[in-house]
Amino acid sequence: MLNMRSVDPADPDRTARATIRDAALALFAERGPDAATVRDIAAAAEVSPALVLHHYGSKDGLRAAVDEYAAGAFDAMLAQLEGGDLADVLSGGEPASLAEAFATEFRAGSPLVLYLRRLLLSGDPAGTVLVRRWHALTLGVVERLEEAGVARPSRDREARAALLLAGDLAVVLLAPHLGAVLGENPLTPGGMARWTAEATDVYLHGAFVAPPEGADPTTDPTTDPSTDRTGGDPT
C-alpha cells in the first residue's frame, strides 16, 4: 500500500495520529463515517477518545484527515498514469488503466479500496470529485492514443472516456463479487493479468461479429429468432 502521505514527518505525535487515522479509515470503509463513533475509533486505535479529539478536534476533523489521506494516495497512483511514457504504457511497462494501477498499488482488501467503494456508491460528493478527475485523466489517455494512431478516432471522446472509466471502476467496485464468479480476485496480480488479457482482446478485436455489409439486422435471419437460417417458417 502507498505511504501515508498526509502525515507530517515533523510532527512528534505522527505515529499516534497515523494510528488513529488508519483506524478511522478502516471503520469508515466498513461502516460508513456516520456509523463510526469517536469512541469506536479510539477503541480500534487502542487510545482514549480524548486523544482522538486532541489530535483532530472532532470527528469531522478526523473525517477531513481521512479524505485528505485517501486523496493523496489516489493522486500518487494517478501520477503514474499521467506521467507515464506512452511507449511504456503500450508495451506493458506501465499501468494503462485505473484498474491496473489499483491492482499494482493497493493490496486486495485494502481499506483505501473499501473506502473508495463506499464514497462512490453512497453518492458522497467526495466521490464525485474523484470521478471527475479520473474522467479527465482517461480523456487525456484517449487523446494520446488517438494522436499516436493506435486508437480509432472517437465521435465522442468524452463518452468513450466515460465508458472506459466505467469499465475500470467496475473492476474496483465489484472485485469481491467478480472474484467469487471467476475464482480469483481481479485486484490481485494473477487476477489482473487474466482480466487485462481479455480486456485487451476485446478492445483490440471487439467482442461481437458485425452483420454482413448491407444486411438489415431487423430482417437478417441470422439475427431474427423468428425465422430459421434459410428464412423459412421455423414450423
C-alpha atoms as a PDB file:
ATOM      1  CA  MET A   1       0.000   0.000   0.000  1.00  0.00           C
ATOM      2  CA  LEU A   2       1.143   3.541  -0.597  1.00  0.00           C
ATOM      3  CA  ASN A   3       2.953   5.510   2.075  1.00  0.00           C
ATOM      4  CA  MET A   4       0.893   7.735   4.354  1.00  0.00           C
ATOM      5  CA  ARG A   5       1.453  10.972   2.509  1.00  0.00           C
ATOM      6  CA  SER A   6      -0.756  13.147   4.713  1.00  0.00           C
ATOM      7  CA  VAL A   7       1.297  12.525   7.878  1.00  0.00           C
ATOM      8  CA  ASP A   8       3.570  15.420   8.756  1.00  0.00           C
ATOM      9  CA  PRO A   9       7.040  13.932   9.452  1.00  0.00           C
ATOM     10  CA  ALA A  10       7.880  16.958  11.623  1.00  0.00           C
ATOM     11  CA  ASP A  11       5.003  16.189  13.990  1.00  0.00           C
ATOM     12  CA  PRO A  12       6.363  14.375  17.078  1.00  0.00           C
ATOM     13  CA  ASP A  13       2.968  12.697  17.534  1.00  0.00           C
ATOM     14  CA  ARG A  14       2.727  11.494  13.950  1.00  0.00           C
ATOM     15  CA  THR A  15       2.678   7.788  14.918  1.00  0.00           C
ATOM     16  CA  ALA A  16      -0.353   8.259  17.170  1.00  0.00           C
ATOM     17  CA  ARG A  17      -2.038  10.467  14.576  1.00  0.00           C
ATOM     18  CA  ALA A  18      -1.435   7.907  11.833  1.00  0.00           C
ATOM     19  CA  THR A  19      -2.722   5.071  14.025  1.00  0.00           C
ATOM     20  CA  ILE A  20      -5.919   6.974  14.779  1.00  0.00           C
ATOM     21  CA  ARG A  21      -6.384   7.978  11.148  1.00  0.00           C
ATOM     22  CA  ASP A  22      -5.860   4.428   9.899  1.00  0.00           C
ATOM     23  CA  ALA A  23      -8.354   3.080  12.461  1.00  0.00           C
ATOM     24  CA  ALA A  24     -10.873   5.684  11.305  1.00  0.00           C
ATOM     25  CA  LEU A  25     -10.229   4.818   7.658  1.00  0.00           C
ATOM     26  CA  ALA A  26     -10.899   1.129   8.310  1.00  0.00           C
ATOM     27  CA  LEU A  27     -14.087   1.821  10.279  1.00  0.00           C
ATOM     28  CA  PHE A  28     -15.338   4.405   7.790  1.00  0.00           C
ATOM     29  CA  ALA A  29     -14.779   1.888   4.987  1.00  0.00           C
ATOM     30  CA  GLU A  30     -16.570  -0.867   6.888  1.00  0.00           C
ATOM     31  CA  ARG A  31     -19.489   1.018   8.435  1.00  0.00           C
ATOM     32  CA  GLY A  32     -19.562   4.458   6.849  1.00  0.00           C
ATOM     33  CA  PRO A  33     -18.449   7.699   8.531  1.00  0.00           C
ATOM     34  CA  ASP A  34     -21.830   8.331  10.143  1.00  0.00           C
ATOM     35  CA  ALA A  35     -21.949   4.945  11.878  1.00  0.00           C
ATOM     36  CA  ALA A  36     -18.432   5.027  13.352  1.00  0.00           C
ATOM     37  CA  THR A  37     -18.214   6.985  16.613  1.00  0.00           C
ATOM     38  CA  VAL A  38     -15.176   8.634  18.173  1.00  0.00           C
ATOM     39  CA  ARG A  39     -15.335   6.004  20.906  1.00  0.00           C
ATOM     40  CA  ASP A  40     -15.316   3.217  18.279  1.00  0.00           C
ATOM     41  CA  ILE A  41     -12.314   4.767  16.545  1.00  0.00           C
ATOM     42  CA  ALA A  42     -10.449   5.228  19.809  1.00  0.00           C
ATOM     43  CA  ALA A  43     -11.057   1.591  20.752  1.00  0.00           C
ATOM     44  CA  ALA A  44      -9.823   0.366  17.361  1.00  0.00           C
ATOM     45  CA  ALA A  45      -6.703   2.550  17.655  1.00  0.00           C
ATOM     46  CA  GLU A  46      -6.220   1.494  21.302  1.00  0.00           C
ATOM     47  CA  VAL A  47      -6.160   5.086  22.510  1.00  0.00           C
ATOM     48  CA  SER A  48      -8.532   7.225  24.537  1.00  0.00           C
ATOM     49  CA  PRO A  49     -11.358   9.245  22.921  1.00  0.00           C
ATOM     50  CA  ALA A  50      -9.700  12.322  24.430  1.00  0.00           C
ATOM     51  CA  LEU A  51      -6.539  11.644  22.426  1.00  0.00           C
ATOM     52  CA  VAL A  52      -8.571  11.372  19.221  1.00  0.00           C
ATOM     53  CA  LEU A  53     -10.079  14.786  19.903  1.00  0.00           C
ATOM     54  CA  HIS A  54      -6.691  16.175  20.920  1.00  0.00           C
ATOM     55  CA  HIS A  55      -5.238  15.329  17.523  1.00  0.00           C
ATOM     56  CA  TYR A  56      -8.216  16.019  15.262  1.00  0.00           C
ATOM     57  CA  GLY A  57     -10.536  18.298  17.209  1.00  0.00           C
ATOM     58  CA  SER A  58     -13.712  16.448  16.252  1.00  0.00           C
ATOM     59  CA  LYS A  59     -14.939  13.538  14.178  1.00  0.00           C
ATOM     60  CA  ASP A  60     -15.449  15.951  11.285  1.00  0.00           C
ATOM     61  CA  GLY A  61     -11.792  16.950  11.575  1.00  0.00           C
ATOM     62  CA  LEU A  62     -10.798  13.283  11.529  1.00  0.00           C
ATOM     63  CA  ARG A  63     -13.037  12.637   8.514  1.00  0.00           C
ATOM     64  CA  ALA A  64     -11.316  15.508   6.685  1.00  0.00           C
ATOM     65  CA  ALA A  65      -7.915  13.997   7.510  1.00  0.00           C
ATOM     66  CA  VAL A  66      -9.016  10.585   6.218  1.00  0.00           C
ATOM     67  CA  ASP A  67     -10.325  12.152   2.994  1.00  0.00           C
ATOM     68  CA  GLU A  68      -7.053  14.055   2.564  1.00  0.00           C
ATOM     69  CA  TYR A  69      -5.018  10.903   3.082  1.00  0.00           C
ATOM     70  CA  ALA A  70      -7.136   8.871   0.664  1.00  0.00           C
ATOM     71  CA  ALA A  71      -6.992  11.613  -1.980  1.00  0.00           C
ATOM     72  CA  GLY A  72      -3.207  11.812  -1.573  1.00  0.00           C
ATOM     73  CA  ALA A  73      -2.839   8.068  -2.012  1.00  0.00           C
ATOM     74  CA  PHE A  74      -5.050   8.050  -5.105  1.00  0.00           C
ATOM     75  CA  ASP A  75      -3.215  11.090  -6.517  1.00  0.00           C
ATOM     76  CA  ALA A  76       0.106   9.286  -6.147  1.00  0.00           C
ATOM     77  CA  MET A  77      -1.348   6.355  -8.061  1.00  0.00           C
ATOM     78  CA  LEU A  78      -2.756   8.618 -10.774  1.00  0.00           C
ATOM     79  CA  ALA A  79       0.589  10.410 -11.152  1.00  0.00           C
ATOM     80  CA  GLN A  80       1.979   7.184 -12.592  1.00  0.00           C
ATOM     81  CA  LEU A  81      -0.664   7.210 -15.313  1.00  0.00           C
ATOM     82  CA  GLU A  82      -0.366  10.936 -16.011  1.00  0.00           C
ATOM     83  CA  GLY A  83       3.422  10.922 -16.127  1.00  0.00           C
ATOM     84  CA  GLY A  84       3.921   7.587 -17.830  1.00  0.00           C
ATOM     85  CA  ASP A  85       5.509   7.431 -21.259  1.00  0.00           C
ATOM     86  CA  LEU A  86       3.040   6.286 -23.905  1.00  0.00           C
ATOM     87  CA  ALA A  87       5.515   3.718 -25.245  1.00  0.00           C
ATOM     88  CA  ASP A  88       5.863   2.185 -21.776  1.00  0.00           C
ATOM     89  CA  VAL A  89       2.089   2.024 -21.433  1.00  0.00           C
ATOM     90  CA  LEU A  90       1.636   0.342 -24.803  1.00  0.00           C
ATOM     91  CA  SER A  91       4.437  -2.146 -24.143  1.00  0.00           C
ATOM     92  CA  GLY A  92       3.033  -3.099 -20.768  1.00  0.00           C
ATOM     93  CA  GLY A  93       5.817  -1.438 -18.809  1.00  0.00           C
ATOM     94  CA  GLU A  94       3.431   0.993 -17.087  1.00  0.00           C
ATOM     95  CA  PRO A  95      -0.186   0.614 -15.909  1.00  0.00           C
ATOM     96  CA  ALA A  96      -2.533   1.503 -18.755  1.00  0.00           C
ATOM     97  CA  SER A  97      -5.722   1.754 -16.756  1.00  0.00           C
ATOM     98  CA  LEU A  98      -7.058   2.687 -13.347  1.00  0.00           C
ATOM     99  CA  ALA A  99      -7.851  -0.950 -12.650  1.00  0.00           C
ATOM    100  CA  GLU A 100      -4.250  -1.993 -13.317  1.00  0.00           C
ATOM    101  CA  ALA A 101      -2.960   0.863 -11.192  1.00  0.00           C
ATOM    102  CA  PHE A 102      -5.220  -0.167  -8.316  1.00  0.00           C
ATOM    103  CA  ALA A 103      -4.057  -3.775  -8.551  1.00  0.00           C
ATOM    104  CA  THR A 104      -0.430  -2.614  -8.583  1.00  0.00           C
ATOM    105  CA  GLU A 105      -0.592  -0.070  -5.749  1.00  0.00           C
ATOM    106  CA  PHE A 106      -3.184  -1.490  -3.359  1.00  0.00           C
ATOM    107  CA  ARG A 107      -3.445  -4.985  -1.970  1.00  0.00           C
ATOM    108  CA  ALA A 108      -6.766  -6.803  -2.275  1.00  0.00           C
ATOM    109  CA  GLY A 109      -8.927  -5.815   0.673  1.00  0.00           C
ATOM    110  CA  SER A 110      -7.041  -2.576   1.327  1.00  0.00           C
ATOM    111  CA  PRO A 111      -9.182  -0.205   3.428  1.00  0.00           C
ATOM    112  CA  LEU A 112      -8.420   2.507   0.870  1.00  0.00           C
ATOM    113  CA  VAL A 113     -10.154   0.467  -1.828  1.00  0.00           C
ATOM    114  CA  LEU A 114     -13.046  -0.305   0.515  1.00  0.00           C
ATOM    115  CA  TYR A 115     -13.314   3.374   1.407  1.00  0.00           C
ATOM    116  CA  LEU A 116     -13.371   4.315  -2.272  1.00  0.00           C
ATOM    117  CA  ARG A 117     -16.202   1.869  -2.880  1.00  0.00           C
ATOM    118  CA  ARG A 118     -18.226   3.486  -0.132  1.00  0.00           C
ATOM    119  CA  LEU A 119     -17.503   7.003  -1.449  1.00  0.00           C
ATOM    120  CA  LEU A 120     -18.617   6.129  -4.972  1.00  0.00           C
ATOM    121  CA  LEU A 121     -21.644   4.020  -4.107  1.00  0.00           C
ATOM    122  CA  SER A 122     -23.040   6.280  -1.395  1.00  0.00           C
ATOM    123  CA  GLY A 123     -23.246   9.372  -3.598  1.00  0.00           C
ATOM    124  CA  ASP A 124     -20.734  11.208  -1.400  1.00  0.00           C
ATOM    125  CA  PRO A 125     -19.634  14.490  -3.066  1.00  0.00           C
ATOM    126  CA  ALA A 126     -16.002  13.498  -2.470  1.00  0.00           C
ATOM    127  CA  GLY A 127     -16.603  10.508  -4.758  1.00  0.00           C
ATOM    128  CA  THR A 128     -17.960  12.772  -7.484  1.00  0.00           C
ATOM    129  CA  VAL A 129     -14.826  14.913  -7.291  1.00  0.00           C
ATOM    130  CA  LEU A 130     -12.652  11.814  -7.759  1.00  0.00           C
ATOM    131  CA  VAL A 131     -14.674  10.589 -10.742  1.00  0.00           C
ATOM    132  CA  ARG A 132     -14.382  13.987 -12.439  1.00  0.00           C
ATOM    133  CA  ARG A 133     -10.597  13.933 -12.009  1.00  0.00           C
ATOM    134  CA  TRP A 134     -10.322  10.373 -13.253  1.00  0.00           C
ATOM    135  CA  HIS A 135     -12.512  11.078 -16.261  1.00  0.00           C
ATOM    136  CA  ALA A 136     -10.243  13.984 -17.208  1.00  0.00           C
ATOM    137  CA  LEU A 137      -7.233  11.677 -16.896  1.00  0.00           C
ATOM    138  CA  THR A 138      -8.875   8.966 -19.008  1.00  0.00           C
ATOM    139  CA  LEU A 139      -9.839  11.548 -21.621  1.00  0.00           C
ATOM    140  CA  GLY A 140      -6.193  12.596 -21.839  1.00  0.00           C
ATOM    141  CA  VAL A 141      -5.120   8.977 -22.365  1.00  0.00           C
ATOM    142  CA  VAL A 142      -7.727   8.529 -25.123  1.00  0.00           C
ATOM    143  CA  GLU A 143      -6.476  11.677 -26.864  1.00  0.00           C
ATOM    144  CA  ARG A 144      -2.851  10.495 -26.665  1.00  0.00           C
ATOM    145  CA  LEU A 145      -3.734   7.081 -28.066  1.00  0.00           C
ATOM    146  CA  GLU A 146      -5.679   8.617 -30.947  1.00  0.00           C
ATOM    147  CA  GLU A 147      -2.850  11.039 -31.728  1.00  0.00           C
ATOM    148  CA  ALA A 148      -0.390   8.128 -31.732  1.00  0.00           C
ATOM    149  CA  GLY A 149      -2.569   6.307 -34.245  1.00  0.00           C
ATOM    150  CA  VAL A 150      -3.193   3.276 -32.031  1.00  0.00           C
ATOM    151  CA  ALA A 151      -6.822   4.065 -31.211  1.00  0.00           C
ATOM    152  CA  ARG A 152      -9.644   4.688 -33.654  1.00  0.00           C
ATOM    153  CA  PRO A 153     -10.858   8.298 -33.558  1.00  0.00           C
ATOM    154  CA  SER A 154     -13.996   8.610 -31.490  1.00  0.00           C
ATOM    155  CA  ARG A 155     -17.071  10.581 -32.474  1.00  0.00           C
ATOM    156  CA  ASP A 156     -17.498  11.474 -28.794  1.00  0.00           C
ATOM    157  CA  ARG A 157     -14.256  11.350 -26.826  1.00  0.00           C
ATOM    158  CA  GLU A 158     -15.908  12.325 -23.557  1.00  0.00           C
ATOM    159  CA  ALA A 159     -18.387   9.455 -23.827  1.00  0.00           C
ATOM    160  CA  ARG A 160     -15.649   7.000 -24.781  1.00  0.00           C
ATOM    161  CA  ALA A 161     -13.515   8.103 -21.848  1.00  0.00           C
ATOM    162  CA  ALA A 162     -16.521   7.663 -19.567  1.00  0.00           C
ATOM    163  CA  LEU A 163     -17.119   4.165 -20.977  1.00  0.00           C
ATOM    164  CA  LEU A 164     -13.515   3.120 -20.373  1.00  0.00           C
ATOM    165  CA  LEU A 165     -13.534   4.661 -16.901  1.00  0.00           C
ATOM    166  CA  ALA A 166     -16.748   2.839 -16.033  1.00  0.00           C
ATOM    167  CA  GLY A 167     -15.122  -0.445 -17.026  1.00  0.00           C
ATOM    168  CA  ASP A 168     -12.118   0.212 -14.802  1.00  0.00           C
ATOM    169  CA  LEU A 169     -14.196   1.339 -11.836  1.00  0.00           C
ATOM    170  CA  ALA A 170     -16.449  -1.702 -12.203  1.00  0.00           C
ATOM    171  CA  VAL A 171     -13.413  -3.916 -11.574  1.00  0.00           C
ATOM    172  CA  VAL A 172     -12.563  -1.956  -8.429  1.00  0.00           C
ATOM    173  CA  LEU A 173     -16.110  -1.697  -7.102  1.00  0.00           C
ATOM    174  CA  LEU A 174     -17.180  -5.256  -7.913  1.00  0.00           C
ATOM    175  CA  ALA A 175     -13.869  -7.024  -7.224  1.00  0.00           C
ATOM    176  CA  PRO A 176     -15.189  -9.283  -4.424  1.00  0.00           C
ATOM    177  CA  HIS A 177     -18.205 -10.370  -6.494  1.00  0.00           C
ATOM    178  CA  LEU A 178     -16.151 -10.826  -9.662  1.00  0.00           C
ATOM    179  CA  GLY A 179     -13.658 -12.852  -7.660  1.00  0.00           C
ATOM    180  CA  ALA A 180     -16.465 -15.144  -6.488  1.00  0.00           C
ATOM    181  CA  VAL A 181     -17.504 -15.679 -10.106  1.00  0.00           C
ATOM    182  CA  LEU A 182     -14.008 -16.087 -11.550  1.00  0.00           C
ATOM    183  CA  GLY A 183     -12.382 -17.829  -8.616  1.00  0.00           C
ATOM    184  CA  GLU A 184      -9.698 -15.142  -8.422  1.00  0.00           C
ATOM    185  CA  ASN A 185      -9.869 -11.558  -7.173  1.00  0.00           C
ATOM    186  CA  PRO A 186      -9.181  -9.290 -10.186  1.00  0.00           C
ATOM    187  CA  LEU A 187      -7.237  -6.872  -7.959  1.00  0.00           C
ATOM    188  CA  THR A 188      -4.559  -9.493  -7.290  1.00  0.00           C
ATOM    189  CA  PRO A 189      -1.626  -9.707  -9.747  1.00  0.00           C
ATOM    190  CA  GLY A 190      -2.844 -13.004 -11.182  1.00  0.00           C
ATOM    191  CA  GLY A 191      -6.432 -11.856 -11.395  1.00  0.00           C
ATOM    192  CA  MET A 192      -5.481  -8.595 -13.085  1.00  0.00           C
ATOM    193  CA  ALA A 193      -3.282 -10.398 -15.629  1.00  0.00           C
ATOM    194  CA  ARG A 194      -6.248 -12.575 -16.533  1.00  0.00           C
ATOM    195  CA  TRP A 195      -8.627  -9.602 -16.673  1.00  0.00           C
ATOM    196  CA  THR A 196      -6.242  -7.439 -18.713  1.00  0.00           C
ATOM    197  CA  ALA A 197      -5.638 -10.170 -21.290  1.00  0.00           C
ATOM    198  CA  GLU A 198      -9.342 -10.479 -22.042  1.00  0.00           C
ATOM    199  CA  ALA A 199      -9.991  -6.736 -21.904  1.00  0.00           C
ATOM    200  CA  THR A 200      -7.136  -6.121 -24.335  1.00  0.00           C
ATOM    201  CA  ASP A 201      -8.524  -8.716 -26.740  1.00  0.00           C
ATOM    202  CA  VAL A 202     -11.968  -7.101 -26.626  1.00  0.00           C
ATOM    203  CA  TYR A 203     -10.562  -3.581 -27.084  1.00  0.00           C
ATOM    204  CA  LEU A 204      -8.326  -4.622 -29.985  1.00  0.00           C
ATOM    205  CA  HIS A 205     -10.588  -7.071 -31.804  1.00  0.00           C
ATOM    206  CA  GLY A 206     -14.080  -6.437 -30.483  1.00  0.00           C
ATOM    207  CA  ALA A 207     -16.460  -8.787 -28.723  1.00  0.00           C
ATOM    208  CA  PHE A 208     -19.065  -9.188 -31.474  1.00  0.00           C
ATOM    209  CA  VAL A 209     -19.169 -10.055 -35.142  1.00  0.00           C
ATOM    210  CA  ALA A 210     -20.690  -7.356 -37.339  1.00  0.00           C
ATOM    211  CA  PRO A 211     -23.542  -8.403 -39.664  1.00  0.00           C
ATOM    212  CA  PRO A 212     -22.685  -8.676 -43.369  1.00  0.00           C
ATOM    213  CA  GLU A 213     -22.341  -5.326 -45.107  1.00  0.00           C
ATOM    214  CA  GLY A 214     -25.707  -4.070 -46.299  1.00  0.00           C
ATOM    215  CA  ALA A 215     -27.688  -6.552 -44.213  1.00  0.00           C
ATOM    216  CA  ASP A 216     -30.650  -5.301 -42.231  1.00  0.00           C
ATOM    217  CA  PRO A 217     -30.286  -6.680 -38.705  1.00  0.00           C
ATOM    218  CA  THR A 218     -34.059  -6.440 -38.222  1.00  0.00           C
ATOM    219  CA  THR A 219     -34.729  -8.907 -41.069  1.00  0.00           C
ATOM    220  CA  ASP A 220     -31.464 -10.823 -41.372  1.00  0.00           C
ATOM    221  CA  PRO A 221     -32.292 -14.472 -40.490  1.00  0.00           C
ATOM    222  CA  THR A 222     -29.021 -14.795 -38.584  1.00  0.00           C
ATOM    223  CA  THR A 223     -30.216 -12.143 -36.116  1.00  0.00           C
ATOM    224  CA  ASP A 224     -34.003 -12.693 -36.217  1.00  0.00           C
ATOM    225  CA  PRO A 225     -35.045 -15.521 -33.877  1.00  0.00           C
ATOM    226  CA  SER A 226     -38.473 -15.764 -35.530  1.00  0.00           C
ATOM    227  CA  THR A 227     -37.050 -17.357 -38.673  1.00  0.00           C
ATOM    228  CA  ASP A 228     -34.637 -20.166 -39.372  1.00  0.00           C
ATOM    229  CA  ARG A 229     -31.313 -19.619 -41.136  1.00  0.00           C
ATOM    230  CA  THR A 230     -32.871 -20.156 -44.569  1.00  0.00           C
ATOM    231  CA  GLY A 231     -35.513 -17.517 -43.950  1.00  0.00           C
ATOM    232  CA  GLY A 232     -38.328 -20.056 -43.811  1.00  0.00           C
ATOM    233  CA  ASP A 233     -41.012 -20.579 -41.215  1.00  0.00           C
ATOM    234  CA  PRO A 234     -39.425 -22.359 -38.231  1.00  0.00           C
ATOM    235  CA  THR A 235     -42.555 -24.522 -38.004  1.00  0.00           C
END
